[in-house]
C-alpha cells in the first residue's frame, strides 16, 4: 500500500492567481508554487498517495503518467526538504 502524503500543521496558505502562497508559521519561511504545485498543494491538504497525485495531474493537464510522476516526486521532495509534510 502506498504512503499517504499530507501537509503538516503550522503552514498557513492561500490560493492567489493560480498559485499558492504559504507561510510556515514555525520558521517564518515563505513559499510559493506555480499552478501545478497549487493543484498538488490543495490535494495534499486532504492527503493523497503519490499515485493519486500523479493521476490528478494527468487528468487536469493532459500529460503522460511518466511526466506526472516525475513532477509529483520533485514537488514532494521539495516539500520534504522544507519539512512541510506531516
Protein backbone atom coordinates (compact mmCIF):
# COMPACT_ATOMS: atom_id res chain seq x y z
CA UNK A 1 0.00 0.00 0.00
CA UNK A 2 1.25 3.49 -0.84
CA UNK A 3 2.01 6.14 1.73
CA UNK A 4 -0.46 8.98 2.10
CA UNK A 5 1.20 12.38 1.95
CA UNK A 6 -0.29 15.34 3.79
CA UNK A 7 0.80 18.86 4.67
CA UNK A 8 1.82 19.31 8.27
CA UNK A 9 0.19 21.66 10.76
CA UNK A 10 1.60 25.15 11.15
CA UNK A 11 1.55 26.12 7.47
CA UNK A 12 -0.81 28.94 6.52
CA UNK A 13 -1.62 29.27 2.83
CA UNK A 14 -3.87 30.99 0.33
CA UNK A 15 -4.58 30.44 -3.36
CA UNK A 16 -3.62 33.56 -5.34
CA UNK A 17 -3.97 33.77 -9.12
CA UNK A 18 -3.49 30.04 -9.84
CA UNK A 19 -0.64 29.80 -7.32
CA UNK A 20 -0.34 29.06 -3.64
CA UNK A 21 1.36 31.46 -1.27
CA UNK A 22 2.29 29.80 2.02
CA UNK A 23 3.95 30.73 5.28
CA UNK A 24 5.49 28.21 7.65
CA UNK A 25 4.47 29.79 10.94
CA UNK A 26 7.02 27.70 12.85
CA UNK A 27 10.02 29.04 10.93
CA UNK A 28 8.57 32.21 9.35
CA UNK A 29 9.58 30.88 5.94
CA UNK A 30 7.62 31.91 2.85
CA UNK A 31 6.86 29.52 -0.02
CA UNK A 32 5.03 29.80 -3.31
CA UNK A 33 4.03 27.40 -6.05
CA UNK A 34 3.13 27.52 -9.71
CA UNK A 35 -0.30 26.33 -10.92
CA UNK A 36 0.76 22.66 -10.96
CA UNK A 37 2.05 22.99 -7.42
CA UNK A 38 -1.18 24.72 -6.42
CA UNK A 39 -3.20 21.71 -7.55
CA UNK A 40 -0.89 19.33 -5.69
CA UNK A 41 -0.86 21.55 -2.59
CA UNK A 42 -4.66 21.61 -2.40
CA UNK A 43 -4.79 17.82 -2.79
CA UNK A 44 -2.22 17.40 -0.02
CA UNK A 45 -4.44 19.25 2.45
CA UNK A 46 -6.73 16.22 2.32
CA UNK A 47 -3.99 13.62 1.97
CA UNK A 48 -3.16 11.71 -1.20
CA UNK A 49 -0.90 8.92 -2.34
CA UNK A 50 1.82 9.55 -4.90
CA UNK A 51 -0.26 7.68 -7.45
CA UNK A 52 -3.37 9.75 -6.75
CA UNK A 53 -1.39 12.97 -7.13
CA UNK A 54 0.05 11.82 -10.46
CA UNK A 55 -3.39 10.77 -11.69
CA UNK A 56 -4.74 14.24 -10.84
CA UNK A 57 -2.01 15.85 -12.92
CA UNK A 58 -2.68 13.54 -15.86
CA UNK A 59 -6.40 14.32 -15.75
CA UNK A 60 -6.03 18.07 -15.26
CA UNK A 61 -3.11 18.89 -17.55
CA UNK A 62 -3.39 16.07 -20.10
CA UNK A 63 0.23 14.98 -19.62
CA UNK A 64 1.62 11.46 -19.69
CA UNK A 65 1.89 9.46 -16.48
CA UNK A 66 5.70 9.38 -16.50
CA UNK A 67 5.90 13.19 -16.62
CA UNK A 68 3.25 13.47 -13.90
CA UNK A 69 5.13 11.06 -11.63
CA UNK A 70 8.38 12.97 -12.15
CA UNK A 71 6.64 16.27 -11.30
CA UNK A 72 4.98 14.78 -8.21
CA UNK A 73 8.27 13.31 -7.00
CA UNK A 74 10.05 16.65 -7.42
CA UNK A 75 7.27 18.50 -5.58
CA UNK A 76 7.14 16.03 -2.69
CA UNK A 77 10.93 16.13 -2.41
CA UNK A 78 10.87 19.94 -2.21
CA UNK A 79 8.17 19.88 0.46
CA UNK A 80 10.08 17.26 2.46
CA UNK A 81 13.30 19.27 2.18
CA UNK A 82 11.48 22.21 3.78
CA UNK A 83 9.77 19.98 6.39
CA UNK A 84 6.27 20.77 5.11
CA UNK A 85 4.90 17.23 5.09
CA UNK A 86 3.26 15.56 8.06
